[in-house]
N, C-alpha and C. Protein backbone atom coordinates (compact mmCIF):
# COMPACT_ATOMS: atom_id res chain seq x y z
N UNK A 1 14.28 -10.76 -17.32
CA UNK A 1 14.49 -9.37 -17.67
C UNK A 1 15.03 -8.65 -16.44
N UNK A 2 16.12 -7.91 -16.62
CA UNK A 2 16.71 -7.20 -15.48
C UNK A 2 16.34 -5.72 -15.51
N UNK A 3 16.48 -5.08 -14.37
CA UNK A 3 16.17 -3.66 -14.22
C UNK A 3 17.47 -2.93 -13.94
N UNK A 4 17.72 -1.89 -14.73
CA UNK A 4 18.92 -1.08 -14.58
C UNK A 4 18.51 0.36 -14.29
N UNK A 5 18.99 0.91 -13.20
CA UNK A 5 18.70 2.29 -12.83
C UNK A 5 19.82 3.19 -13.33
N UNK A 6 19.48 4.29 -13.99
CA UNK A 6 20.49 5.28 -14.35
C UNK A 6 20.86 6.07 -13.10
N UNK A 7 22.01 6.73 -13.15
CA UNK A 7 22.42 7.57 -12.02
C UNK A 7 21.40 8.68 -11.79
N UNK A 8 20.84 9.20 -12.88
CA UNK A 8 19.84 10.27 -12.76
C UNK A 8 18.59 9.77 -12.03
N UNK A 9 18.14 8.58 -12.37
CA UNK A 9 16.95 8.02 -11.71
C UNK A 9 17.22 7.74 -10.23
N UNK A 10 18.41 7.25 -9.93
CA UNK A 10 18.76 7.01 -8.52
C UNK A 10 18.80 8.34 -7.75
N UNK A 11 19.31 9.38 -8.40
CA UNK A 11 19.32 10.71 -7.78
C UNK A 11 17.91 11.23 -7.54
N UNK A 12 17.02 11.00 -8.53
CA UNK A 12 15.62 11.40 -8.36
C UNK A 12 15.00 10.71 -7.16
N UNK A 13 15.21 9.41 -7.06
CA UNK A 13 14.64 8.64 -5.95
C UNK A 13 15.22 9.12 -4.62
N UNK A 14 16.50 9.38 -4.59
CA UNK A 14 17.14 9.86 -3.37
C UNK A 14 16.54 11.20 -2.92
N UNK A 15 16.31 12.11 -3.85
CA UNK A 15 15.69 13.40 -3.53
C UNK A 15 14.27 13.23 -3.00
N UNK A 16 13.52 12.34 -3.61
CA UNK A 16 12.14 12.08 -3.19
C UNK A 16 12.13 11.54 -1.76
N UNK A 17 12.99 10.57 -1.49
CA UNK A 17 13.02 9.96 -0.16
C UNK A 17 13.52 10.94 0.90
N UNK A 18 14.49 11.77 0.55
CA UNK A 18 14.98 12.78 1.50
C UNK A 18 13.86 13.75 1.86
N UNK A 19 13.06 14.13 0.88
CA UNK A 19 11.93 15.03 1.13
C UNK A 19 10.96 14.40 2.14
N UNK A 20 10.54 13.16 1.87
CA UNK A 20 9.59 12.51 2.78
C UNK A 20 10.19 12.25 4.16
N UNK A 21 11.47 11.95 4.19
CA UNK A 21 12.15 11.72 5.46
C UNK A 21 12.10 12.98 6.32
N UNK A 22 12.38 14.14 5.70
CA UNK A 22 12.40 15.40 6.44
C UNK A 22 11.02 15.98 6.70
N UNK A 23 10.13 15.88 5.73
CA UNK A 23 8.82 16.52 5.83
C UNK A 23 7.76 15.65 6.50
N UNK A 24 7.94 14.36 6.48
CA UNK A 24 6.95 13.46 7.08
C UNK A 24 7.63 12.65 8.19
N UNK A 25 8.25 11.54 7.78
CA UNK A 25 8.95 10.70 8.76
C UNK A 25 9.75 9.63 8.02
N UNK A 26 10.71 9.03 8.70
CA UNK A 26 11.45 7.92 8.07
C UNK A 26 10.52 6.78 7.64
N UNK A 27 9.48 6.57 8.41
CA UNK A 27 8.52 5.50 8.09
C UNK A 27 7.78 5.79 6.78
N UNK A 28 7.38 7.05 6.60
CA UNK A 28 6.70 7.43 5.36
C UNK A 28 7.67 7.31 4.19
N UNK A 29 8.91 7.76 4.38
CA UNK A 29 9.92 7.66 3.32
C UNK A 29 10.11 6.19 2.91
N UNK A 30 10.14 5.30 3.87
CA UNK A 30 10.30 3.87 3.58
C UNK A 30 9.10 3.34 2.80
N UNK A 31 7.91 3.76 3.17
CA UNK A 31 6.70 3.32 2.47
C UNK A 31 6.69 3.82 1.02
N UNK A 32 7.11 5.06 0.82
CA UNK A 32 7.17 5.63 -0.53
C UNK A 32 8.20 4.85 -1.37
N UNK A 33 9.35 4.58 -0.79
CA UNK A 33 10.37 3.81 -1.50
C UNK A 33 9.85 2.43 -1.89
N UNK A 34 9.20 1.76 -0.97
CA UNK A 34 8.66 0.42 -1.26
C UNK A 34 7.65 0.46 -2.41
N UNK A 35 6.81 1.49 -2.42
CA UNK A 35 5.79 1.58 -3.48
C UNK A 35 6.44 1.84 -4.84
N UNK A 36 7.35 2.82 -4.90
CA UNK A 36 7.98 3.17 -6.18
C UNK A 36 8.80 1.99 -6.70
N UNK A 37 9.68 1.46 -5.87
CA UNK A 37 10.54 0.35 -6.29
C UNK A 37 9.71 -0.89 -6.59
N UNK A 38 8.70 -1.14 -5.78
CA UNK A 38 7.84 -2.31 -6.00
C UNK A 38 7.14 -2.27 -7.33
N UNK A 39 6.64 -1.10 -7.72
CA UNK A 39 5.95 -0.99 -9.01
C UNK A 39 6.93 -1.18 -10.17
N UNK A 40 8.13 -0.67 -10.02
CA UNK A 40 9.15 -0.87 -11.06
C UNK A 40 9.51 -2.34 -11.15
N UNK A 41 9.70 -2.97 -10.00
CA UNK A 41 10.08 -4.39 -9.99
C UNK A 41 8.96 -5.30 -10.49
N UNK A 42 7.74 -4.80 -10.54
CA UNK A 42 6.62 -5.61 -11.03
C UNK A 42 6.51 -5.56 -12.56
N UNK A 43 7.30 -4.73 -13.20
CA UNK A 43 7.20 -4.60 -14.67
C UNK A 43 7.52 -5.89 -15.42
N UNK A 44 8.62 -6.57 -15.11
CA UNK A 44 8.81 -7.85 -15.79
C UNK A 44 7.72 -8.80 -15.34
N UNK A 45 7.16 -9.62 -16.11
CA UNK A 45 7.53 -9.97 -17.48
C UNK A 45 6.76 -9.19 -18.56
N UNK A 46 5.94 -8.20 -18.22
CA UNK A 46 5.14 -7.50 -19.22
C UNK A 46 5.35 -5.98 -19.18
N UNK A 47 6.56 -5.50 -19.43
CA UNK A 47 6.80 -4.06 -19.33
C UNK A 47 6.07 -3.25 -20.40
N UNK A 48 5.70 -3.90 -21.48
CA UNK A 48 5.00 -3.18 -22.56
C UNK A 48 3.58 -2.81 -22.18
N UNK A 49 3.14 -3.21 -21.00
CA UNK A 49 1.78 -2.87 -20.56
C UNK A 49 1.66 -1.39 -20.18
N UNK A 50 2.78 -0.73 -19.93
CA UNK A 50 2.70 0.70 -19.62
C UNK A 50 2.75 1.51 -20.90
N UNK A 51 2.14 2.68 -20.86
CA UNK A 51 1.96 3.47 -22.08
C UNK A 51 3.26 4.09 -22.59
N UNK A 52 3.28 4.29 -23.91
CA UNK A 52 4.41 4.98 -24.52
C UNK A 52 4.34 6.44 -24.12
N UNK A 53 5.49 7.05 -23.94
CA UNK A 53 5.56 8.43 -23.51
C UNK A 53 5.44 9.39 -24.69
N UNK A 54 4.61 10.40 -24.51
CA UNK A 54 4.52 11.48 -25.50
C UNK A 54 5.56 12.56 -25.17
N UNK A 55 6.13 12.49 -23.97
CA UNK A 55 7.09 13.50 -23.51
C UNK A 55 8.54 13.13 -23.77
N UNK A 56 8.85 11.84 -23.71
CA UNK A 56 10.22 11.39 -23.88
C UNK A 56 10.23 10.34 -24.99
N UNK A 57 10.76 10.70 -26.16
CA UNK A 57 10.78 9.76 -27.28
C UNK A 57 11.50 8.46 -26.92
N UNK A 58 10.89 7.34 -27.29
CA UNK A 58 11.48 6.04 -27.04
C UNK A 58 11.32 5.51 -25.64
N UNK A 59 10.58 6.24 -24.81
CA UNK A 59 10.39 5.82 -23.41
C UNK A 59 8.94 5.45 -23.17
N UNK A 60 8.71 4.85 -22.03
CA UNK A 60 7.37 4.53 -21.55
C UNK A 60 7.20 5.17 -20.18
N UNK A 61 5.93 5.39 -19.80
CA UNK A 61 5.63 6.05 -18.53
C UNK A 61 4.86 5.12 -17.60
N UNK A 62 5.41 4.92 -16.44
CA UNK A 62 4.74 4.15 -15.39
C UNK A 62 4.22 5.13 -14.36
N UNK A 63 2.92 5.23 -14.22
CA UNK A 63 2.32 6.08 -13.20
C UNK A 63 2.28 5.28 -11.91
N UNK A 64 2.94 5.80 -10.87
CA UNK A 64 3.01 5.09 -9.60
C UNK A 64 1.67 5.19 -8.89
N UNK A 65 1.09 4.06 -8.59
CA UNK A 65 -0.22 3.98 -7.95
C UNK A 65 -0.21 4.67 -6.59
N UNK A 66 -1.17 5.57 -6.37
CA UNK A 66 -1.40 6.27 -5.10
C UNK A 66 -0.29 7.24 -4.70
N UNK A 67 0.59 7.56 -5.63
CA UNK A 67 1.63 8.56 -5.38
C UNK A 67 1.72 9.49 -6.60
N UNK A 68 2.15 10.73 -6.41
CA UNK A 68 2.20 11.67 -7.53
C UNK A 68 3.51 11.59 -8.33
N UNK A 69 3.87 10.39 -8.76
CA UNK A 69 5.13 10.22 -9.49
C UNK A 69 4.93 9.41 -10.77
N UNK A 70 5.74 9.76 -11.76
CA UNK A 70 5.80 9.03 -13.02
C UNK A 70 7.23 8.53 -13.18
N UNK A 71 7.37 7.27 -13.54
CA UNK A 71 8.68 6.69 -13.79
C UNK A 71 8.82 6.53 -15.29
N UNK A 72 9.87 7.13 -15.84
CA UNK A 72 10.16 7.00 -17.26
C UNK A 72 11.15 5.86 -17.45
N UNK A 73 10.80 4.91 -18.32
CA UNK A 73 11.67 3.76 -18.56
C UNK A 73 11.83 3.54 -20.06
N UNK A 74 12.93 2.90 -20.42
CA UNK A 74 13.13 2.40 -21.77
C UNK A 74 13.18 0.89 -21.68
N UNK A 75 12.57 0.25 -22.65
CA UNK A 75 12.59 -1.20 -22.68
C UNK A 75 13.56 -1.62 -23.77
N UNK A 76 14.58 -2.35 -23.37
CA UNK A 76 15.56 -2.87 -24.30
C UNK A 76 15.42 -4.37 -24.34
N UNK A 77 16.24 -5.07 -25.08
CA UNK A 77 16.06 -6.51 -25.29
C UNK A 77 15.76 -7.28 -24.02
N UNK A 78 16.66 -7.28 -23.09
CA UNK A 78 16.46 -8.02 -21.83
C UNK A 78 16.59 -7.11 -20.62
N UNK A 79 16.42 -5.80 -20.83
CA UNK A 79 16.64 -4.84 -19.75
C UNK A 79 15.56 -3.76 -19.75
N UNK A 80 15.13 -3.42 -18.57
CA UNK A 80 14.28 -2.24 -18.37
C UNK A 80 15.20 -1.19 -17.76
N UNK A 81 15.36 -0.07 -18.44
CA UNK A 81 16.24 1.00 -17.96
C UNK A 81 15.37 2.09 -17.34
N UNK A 82 15.56 2.33 -16.05
CA UNK A 82 14.82 3.38 -15.35
C UNK A 82 15.57 4.69 -15.60
N UNK A 83 14.90 5.62 -16.30
CA UNK A 83 15.53 6.87 -16.71
C UNK A 83 15.36 7.97 -15.67
N UNK A 84 14.14 8.16 -15.19
CA UNK A 84 13.82 9.23 -14.24
C UNK A 84 12.61 8.85 -13.41
N UNK A 85 12.52 9.46 -12.24
CA UNK A 85 11.32 9.40 -11.41
C UNK A 85 10.94 10.86 -11.17
N UNK A 86 9.77 11.26 -11.67
CA UNK A 86 9.40 12.67 -11.71
C UNK A 86 8.05 12.89 -11.03
N UNK A 87 7.96 13.97 -10.26
CA UNK A 87 6.69 14.36 -9.65
C UNK A 87 5.74 14.82 -10.75
N UNK A 88 4.48 14.50 -10.63
CA UNK A 88 3.51 14.83 -11.67
C UNK A 88 3.33 16.33 -11.87
N UNK A 89 3.65 17.14 -10.89
CA UNK A 89 3.52 18.59 -11.02
C UNK A 89 4.70 19.22 -11.76
N UNK A 90 5.78 18.49 -11.87
CA UNK A 90 6.98 19.01 -12.51
C UNK A 90 6.83 18.97 -14.01
N UNK A 91 7.17 20.07 -14.65
CA UNK A 91 7.16 20.09 -16.11
C UNK A 91 8.35 19.29 -16.59
N UNK A 92 8.09 18.22 -17.33
CA UNK A 92 9.17 17.32 -17.74
C UNK A 92 8.99 16.94 -19.18
N UNK A 93 10.01 16.89 -20.01
CA UNK A 93 11.36 17.33 -19.64
C UNK A 93 11.44 18.85 -19.62
N UNK A 94 12.32 19.34 -18.78
CA UNK A 94 12.47 20.79 -18.62
C UNK A 94 13.75 21.28 -19.24
């Protein structure tokens, strides 16, 4: 099963990392990136283990462990599509 990031999800991740880079440090930004990407990459072979989203029809929500982010994904035949990476405080979808 492959993982495909949408442009929107990549933009979300870029904004998150830029924030940590500026507000904390490059090292913290790198750790945040590793955690978010690592959890997404751990989804295969059982992506259905994450809950269905009540906010985004047809999507599932991956709550990132120890970080305030939710990753919205769609599961297709042989692909996990990363739709968005959203801070838990953000009203989504807006």
